[in-house]
Amino acid sequence: MTSLTNLVPSIPDWRDLLYIPLTGTVADETDLVTWQTPTENQEQQGSCTAFGTSRACEMLTKRAGGVKDLSAQFLYYNTRAIEDRVGQDGAQTRNALRSAHHHGICYETTWPYNQGNENVEPSPAAMAEGLAMKALRYERIHFWADPDKSEAKMLRGIKSALQEGLGVVLAMRLGEQFRS
């Protein structure tokens, strides 16, 4: 199958905090539309992990009473810097979350998305602004640590996190059949 994405699979890391799902019944449906921010087009940049992570952070910011457009390009550069991959397409979702936690994400108006500028290091002002807006924590819905690797348990974790109003960032490779 031909892949349409430059997704770099996340490698499990023992330092990750593990999400602990709610006990009891988990709702089959949760409506978080109120806190969603508009979907944006990454064009040909290959920065889906940064776009997904920055939208999840925007949702949490909006839910807390603030609404600002965060810079996916800032996050994409810093994620690839963590991975020593600046100049290459793609990044790990885990490292996008790690970057949001360690470097924060500045506003889109400070470091705007410009196709072709993905390898330009953010300005000192953008870096300082990002540090003032760091994600407090991130947790992995840990599928790999489960000895039976139960998809039902993973789905329960996702539903539970959504029911708690948390942002969930999913990443997957898409095949040729999704191009249209």
C-alpha atoms as a PDB file:
ATOM      1  CA  MET A   1       0.000   0.000   0.000  1.00  0.00           C
ATOM      2  CA  THR A   2       1.278   3.472  -0.865  1.00  0.00           C
ATOM      3  CA  SER A   3       1.222   5.835   2.113  1.00  0.00           C
ATOM      4  CA  LEU A   4      -0.084   9.377   1.732  1.00  0.00           C
ATOM      5  CA  THR A   5       1.392  10.613   4.987  1.00  0.00           C
ATOM      6  CA  ASN A   6       4.853  11.185   6.356  1.00  0.00           C
ATOM      7  CA  LEU A   7       3.805   9.971   9.785  1.00  0.00           C
ATOM      8  CA  VAL A   8       6.704   8.689  11.833  1.00  0.00           C
ATOM      9  CA  PRO A   9       5.339   6.049  14.248  1.00  0.00           C
ATOM     10  CA  SER A  10       5.701   7.031  17.911  1.00  0.00           C
ATOM     11  CA  ILE A  11       8.051   4.885  19.919  1.00  0.00           C
ATOM     12  CA  PRO A  12       6.745   4.011  23.400  1.00  0.00           C
ATOM     13  CA  ASP A  13       8.795   5.729  26.087  1.00  0.00           C
ATOM     14  CA  TRP A  14       8.962   4.652  29.732  1.00  0.00           C
ATOM     15  CA  ARG A  15       8.891   8.325  30.782  1.00  0.00           C
ATOM     16  CA  ASP A  16       5.382   8.831  29.365  1.00  0.00           C
ATOM     17  CA  LEU A  17       2.602   9.355  31.859  1.00  0.00           C
ATOM     18  CA  LEU A  18      -0.085   6.760  31.266  1.00  0.00           C
ATOM     19  CA  TYR A  19      -3.701   7.844  31.040  1.00  0.00           C
ATOM     20  CA  ILE A  20      -5.927   6.020  33.528  1.00  0.00           C
ATOM     21  CA  PRO A  21      -9.465   5.649  32.120  1.00  0.00           C
ATOM     22  CA  LEU A  22     -12.548   6.434  34.148  1.00  0.00           C
ATOM     23  CA  THR A  23     -13.977   3.569  36.129  1.00  0.00           C
ATOM     24  CA  GLY A  24     -17.540   2.465  35.472  1.00  0.00           C
ATOM     25  CA  THR A  25     -19.524   3.048  32.326  1.00  0.00           C
ATOM     26  CA  VAL A  26     -17.969   5.126  29.562  1.00  0.00           C
ATOM     27  CA  ALA A  27     -20.305   6.934  27.156  1.00  0.00           C
ATOM     28  CA  ASP A  28     -20.375   5.721  23.547  1.00  0.00           C
ATOM     29  CA  GLU A  29     -20.726   9.331  22.366  1.00  0.00           C
ATOM     30  CA  THR A  30     -19.289  12.611  23.641  1.00  0.00           C
ATOM     31  CA  ASP A  31     -19.933  15.971  21.989  1.00  0.00           C
ATOM     32  CA  LEU A  32     -16.959  18.336  22.113  1.00  0.00           C
ATOM     33  CA  VAL A  33     -18.015  20.441  19.107  1.00  0.00           C
ATOM     34  CA  THR A  34     -18.494  23.494  21.337  1.00  0.00           C
ATOM     35  CA  TRP A  35     -14.742  23.653  21.956  1.00  0.00           C
ATOM     36  CA  GLN A  36     -13.501  22.696  18.482  1.00  0.00           C
ATOM     37  CA  THR A  37     -11.497  25.153  16.460  1.00  0.00           C
ATOM     38  CA  PRO A  38     -11.576  25.222  12.654  1.00  0.00           C
ATOM     39  CA  THR A  39      -9.745  22.493  10.768  1.00  0.00           C
ATOM     40  CA  GLU A  40      -6.792  23.881   8.863  1.00  0.00           C
ATOM     41  CA  ASN A  41      -5.106  22.742   5.663  1.00  0.00           C
ATOM     42  CA  GLN A  42      -1.469  21.662   6.009  1.00  0.00           C
ATOM     43  CA  GLU A  43      -1.198  21.607   2.209  1.00  0.00           C
ATOM     44  CA  GLN A  44       1.853  19.556   1.150  1.00  0.00           C
ATOM     45  CA  GLN A  45       3.937  20.189   4.264  1.00  0.00           C
ATOM     46  CA  GLY A  46       3.600  16.753   5.923  1.00  0.00           C
ATOM     47  CA  SER A  47       2.964  18.280   9.328  1.00  0.00           C
ATOM     48  CA  CYS A  48      -0.197  16.407  10.356  1.00  0.00           C
ATOM     49  CA  THR A  49       1.075  15.601  13.862  1.00  0.00           C
ATOM     50  CA  ALA A  50       1.701  19.302  14.572  1.00  0.00           C
ATOM     51  CA  PHE A  51      -1.674  20.341  13.158  1.00  0.00           C
ATOM     52  CA  GLY A  52      -3.530  17.698  15.200  1.00  0.00           C
ATOM     53  CA  THR A  53      -1.646  18.474  18.398  1.00  0.00           C
ATOM     54  CA  SER A  54      -2.024  22.237  18.080  1.00  0.00           C
ATOM     55  CA  ARG A  55      -5.784  21.833  17.439  1.00  0.00           C
ATOM     56  CA  ALA A  56      -6.096  19.658  20.580  1.00  0.00           C
ATOM     57  CA  CYS A  57      -4.270  22.360  22.575  1.00  0.00           C
ATOM     58  CA  GLU A  58      -6.536  25.039  21.084  1.00  0.00           C
ATOM     59  CA  MET A  59      -9.586  23.011  22.148  1.00  0.00           C
ATOM     60  CA  LEU A  60      -8.325  22.851  25.738  1.00  0.00           C
ATOM     61  CA  THR A  61      -7.503  26.584  25.690  1.00  0.00           C
ATOM     62  CA  LYS A  62     -10.975  27.395  24.362  1.00  0.00           C
ATOM     63  CA  ARG A  63     -12.557  25.149  26.988  1.00  0.00           C
ATOM     64  CA  ALA A  64     -10.656  27.073  29.696  1.00  0.00           C
ATOM     65  CA  GLY A  65     -12.090  30.365  28.403  1.00  0.00           C
ATOM     66  CA  GLY A  66      -9.392  31.579  26.040  1.00  0.00           C
ATOM     67  CA  VAL A  67      -9.435  31.332  22.274  1.00  0.00           C
ATOM     68  CA  LYS A  68      -6.281  31.829  20.261  1.00  0.00           C
ATOM     69  CA  ASP A  69      -5.027  30.295  17.048  1.00  0.00           C
ATOM     70  CA  LEU A  70      -1.817  28.419  17.888  1.00  0.00           C
ATOM     71  CA  SER A  71       1.057  28.009  15.435  1.00  0.00           C
ATOM     72  CA  ALA A  72       1.264  24.505  13.963  1.00  0.00           C
ATOM     73  CA  GLN A  73       4.417  25.562  12.095  1.00  0.00           C
ATOM     74  CA  PHE A  74       6.130  26.545  15.370  1.00  0.00           C
ATOM     75  CA  LEU A  75       5.191  23.172  16.853  1.00  0.00           C
ATOM     76  CA  TYR A  76       6.269  21.279  13.715  1.00  0.00           C
ATOM     77  CA  TYR A  77       9.731  22.874  13.703  1.00  0.00           C
ATOM     78  CA  ASN A  78      10.314  22.256  17.412  1.00  0.00           C
ATOM     79  CA  THR A  79       9.039  18.676  17.200  1.00  0.00           C
ATOM     80  CA  ARG A  80      11.484  17.872  14.416  1.00  0.00           C
ATOM     81  CA  ALA A  81      14.264  19.660  16.346  1.00  0.00           C
ATOM     82  CA  ILE A  82      13.623  17.278  19.280  1.00  0.00           C
ATOM     83  CA  GLU A  83      13.904  14.360  16.836  1.00  0.00           C
ATOM     84  CA  ASP A  84      16.944  15.824  15.057  1.00  0.00           C
ATOM     85  CA  ARG A  85      14.865  15.742  11.844  1.00  0.00           C
ATOM     86  CA  VAL A  86      14.656  19.407  10.765  1.00  0.00           C
ATOM     87  CA  GLY A  87      14.687  19.353   6.978  1.00  0.00           C
ATOM     88  CA  GLN A  88      12.810  16.047   6.789  1.00  0.00           C
ATOM     89  CA  ASP A  89       9.053  15.549   6.491  1.00  0.00           C
ATOM     90  CA  GLY A  90       7.029  13.917   9.225  1.00  0.00           C
ATOM     91  CA  ALA A  91       7.238  13.656  12.988  1.00  0.00           C
ATOM     92  CA  GLN A  92       6.122  11.490  15.887  1.00  0.00           C
ATOM     93  CA  THR A  93       2.860  12.414  17.611  1.00  0.00           C
ATOM     94  CA  ARG A  94       4.467  11.676  20.972  1.00  0.00           C
ATOM     95  CA  ASN A  95       7.198  14.236  20.268  1.00  0.00           C
ATOM     96  CA  ALA A  96       4.670  16.844  19.119  1.00  0.00           C
ATOM     97  CA  LEU A  97       3.037  16.494  22.550  1.00  0.00           C
ATOM     98  CA  ARG A  98       6.464  16.550  24.202  1.00  0.00           C
ATOM     99  CA  SER A  99       7.336  19.751  22.319  1.00  0.00           C
ATOM    100  CA  ALA A 100       4.049  21.393  23.380  1.00  0.00           C
ATOM    101  CA  HIS A 101       4.928  20.462  26.960  1.00  0.00           C
ATOM    102  CA  HIS A 102       8.586  21.612  26.877  1.00  0.00           C
ATOM    103  CA  HIS A 103       8.557  24.494  24.357  1.00  0.00           C
ATOM    104  CA  GLY A 104       4.876  25.473  24.339  1.00  0.00           C
ATOM    105  CA  ILE A 105       3.168  26.781  21.215  1.00  0.00           C
ATOM    106  CA  CYS A 106       3.200  30.442  20.248  1.00  0.00           C
ATOM    107  CA  TYR A 107       0.320  32.192  18.512  1.00  0.00           C
ATOM    108  CA  GLU A 108      -0.233  31.811  14.790  1.00  0.00           C
ATOM    109  CA  THR A 109       0.058  35.603  14.415  1.00  0.00           C
ATOM    110  CA  THR A 110       3.578  35.455  15.904  1.00  0.00           C
ATOM    111  CA  TRP A 111       4.833  32.506  13.785  1.00  0.00           C
ATOM    112  CA  PRO A 112       2.373  32.126  10.880  1.00  0.00           C
ATOM    113  CA  TYR A 113       2.016  29.086   8.661  1.00  0.00           C
ATOM    114  CA  ASN A 114       3.877  29.668   5.402  1.00  0.00           C
ATOM    115  CA  GLN A 115       4.281  26.784   2.993  1.00  0.00           C
ATOM    116  CA  GLY A 116       8.007  26.376   2.365  1.00  0.00           C
ATOM    117  CA  ASN A 117       9.152  27.944   5.666  1.00  0.00           C
ATOM    118  CA  GLU A 118       8.842  24.755   7.722  1.00  0.00           C
ATOM    119  CA  ASN A 119      12.626  24.537   8.180  1.00  0.00           C
ATOM    120  CA  VAL A 120      13.070  28.100   9.400  1.00  0.00           C
ATOM    121  CA  GLU A 121      13.833  28.272  13.125  1.00  0.00           C
ATOM    122  CA  PRO A 122      11.219  30.293  15.039  1.00  0.00           C
ATOM    123  CA  SER A 123      12.284  33.757  16.152  1.00  0.00           C
ATOM    124  CA  PRO A 124      13.414  34.415  19.740  1.00  0.00           C
ATOM    125  CA  ALA A 125      10.131  36.287  20.301  1.00  0.00           C
ATOM    126  CA  ALA A 126       8.137  33.250  19.122  1.00  0.00           C
ATOM    127  CA  MET A 127      10.200  30.943  21.358  1.00  0.00           C
ATOM    128  CA  ALA A 128       9.629  33.199  24.382  1.00  0.00           C
ATOM    129  CA  GLU A 129       5.903  33.396  23.680  1.00  0.00           C
ATOM    130  CA  GLY A 130       5.740  29.599  23.335  1.00  0.00           C
ATOM    131  CA  LEU A 131       7.446  29.104  26.699  1.00  0.00           C
ATOM    132  CA  ALA A 132       4.685  31.178  28.282  1.00  0.00           C
ATOM    133  CA  MET A 133       2.050  28.816  26.829  1.00  0.00           C
ATOM    134  CA  LYS A 134       3.243  25.293  27.579  1.00  0.00           C
ATOM    135  CA  ALA A 135       0.978  22.272  27.794  1.00  0.00           C
ATOM    136  CA  LEU A 136       0.939  21.292  31.462  1.00  0.00           C
ATOM    137  CA  ARG A 137       1.089  17.571  30.776  1.00  0.00           C
ATOM    138  CA  TYR A 138       0.290  14.878  28.264  1.00  0.00           C
ATOM    139  CA  GLU A 139      -0.606  11.258  28.796  1.00  0.00           C
ATOM    140  CA  ARG A 140      -0.414   8.231  26.562  1.00  0.00           C
ATOM    141  CA  ILE A 141      -3.432   5.992  26.119  1.00  0.00           C
ATOM    142  CA  HIS A 142      -1.089   3.067  26.413  1.00  0.00           C
ATOM    143  CA  PHE A 143      -1.883   0.218  24.090  1.00  0.00           C
ATOM    144  CA  TRP A 144       1.594  -1.292  23.896  1.00  0.00           C
ATOM    145  CA  ALA A 145       1.944  -1.961  27.643  1.00  0.00           C
ATOM    146  CA  ASP A 146      -1.213  -4.071  27.649  1.00  0.00           C
ATOM    147  CA  PRO A 147      -0.119  -7.736  27.444  1.00  0.00           C
ATOM    148  CA  ASP A 148      -3.177  -8.725  25.386  1.00  0.00           C
ATOM    149  CA  LYS A 149      -3.037  -5.502  23.292  1.00  0.00           C
ATOM    150  CA  SER A 150      -6.817  -5.314  23.488  1.00  0.00           C
ATOM    151  CA  GLU A 151      -8.312  -2.894  20.965  1.00  0.00           C
ATOM    152  CA  ALA A 152     -11.392  -2.725  23.211  1.00  0.00           C
ATOM    153  CA  LYS A 153      -9.239  -1.382  26.066  1.00  0.00           C
ATOM    154  CA  MET A 154      -7.625   1.180  23.769  1.00  0.00           C
ATOM    155  CA  LEU A 155     -11.040   2.331  22.516  1.00  0.00           C
ATOM    156  CA  ARG A 156     -12.275   2.565  26.119  1.00  0.00           C
ATOM    157  CA  GLY A 157      -9.282   4.784  26.922  1.00  0.00           C
ATOM    158  CA  ILE A 158     -10.048   7.089  23.991  1.00  0.00           C
ATOM    159  CA  LYS A 159     -13.756   7.305  24.880  1.00  0.00           C
ATOM    160  CA  SER A 160     -12.912   7.930  28.527  1.00  0.00           C
ATOM    161  CA  ALA A 161     -10.500  10.769  27.720  1.00  0.00           C
ATOM    162  CA  LEU A 162     -13.063  12.374  25.408  1.00  0.00           C
ATOM    163  CA  GLN A 163     -15.761  12.018  28.067  1.00  0.00           C
ATOM    164  CA  GLU A 164     -13.450  13.915  30.447  1.00  0.00           C
ATOM    165  CA  GLY A 165     -13.196  16.683  27.829  1.00  0.00           C
ATOM    166  CA  LEU A 166      -9.547  16.011  27.106  1.00  0.00           C
ATOM    167  CA  GLY A 167      -7.953  16.457  23.707  1.00  0.00           C
ATOM    168  CA  VAL A 168      -7.055  13.176  22.023  1.00  0.00           C
ATOM    169  CA  VAL A 169      -4.474  13.194  19.251  1.00  0.00           C
ATOM    170  CA  LEU A 170      -4.640  10.178  16.929  1.00  0.00           C
ATOM    171  CA  ALA A 171      -2.263   9.512  14.085  1.00  0.00           C
ATOM    172  CA  MET A 172      -2.465   6.893  11.370  1.00  0.00           C
ATOM    173  CA  ARG A 173      -1.126   6.287   7.920  1.00  0.00           C
ATOM    174  CA  LEU A 174      -3.619   6.735   5.098  1.00  0.00           C
ATOM    175  CA  GLY A 175      -3.465   4.747   1.913  1.00  0.00           C
ATOM    176  CA  GLU A 176      -4.043   5.714  -1.678  1.00  0.00           C
ATOM    177  CA  GLN A 177      -7.786   4.998  -1.386  1.00  0.00           C
ATOM    178  CA  PHE A 178      -8.170   8.163   0.753  1.00  0.00           C
ATOM    179  CA  ARG A 179      -6.965  10.456  -2.010  1.00  0.00           C
ATOM    180  CA  SER A 180      -9.921  12.166  -3.627  1.00  0.00           C
END
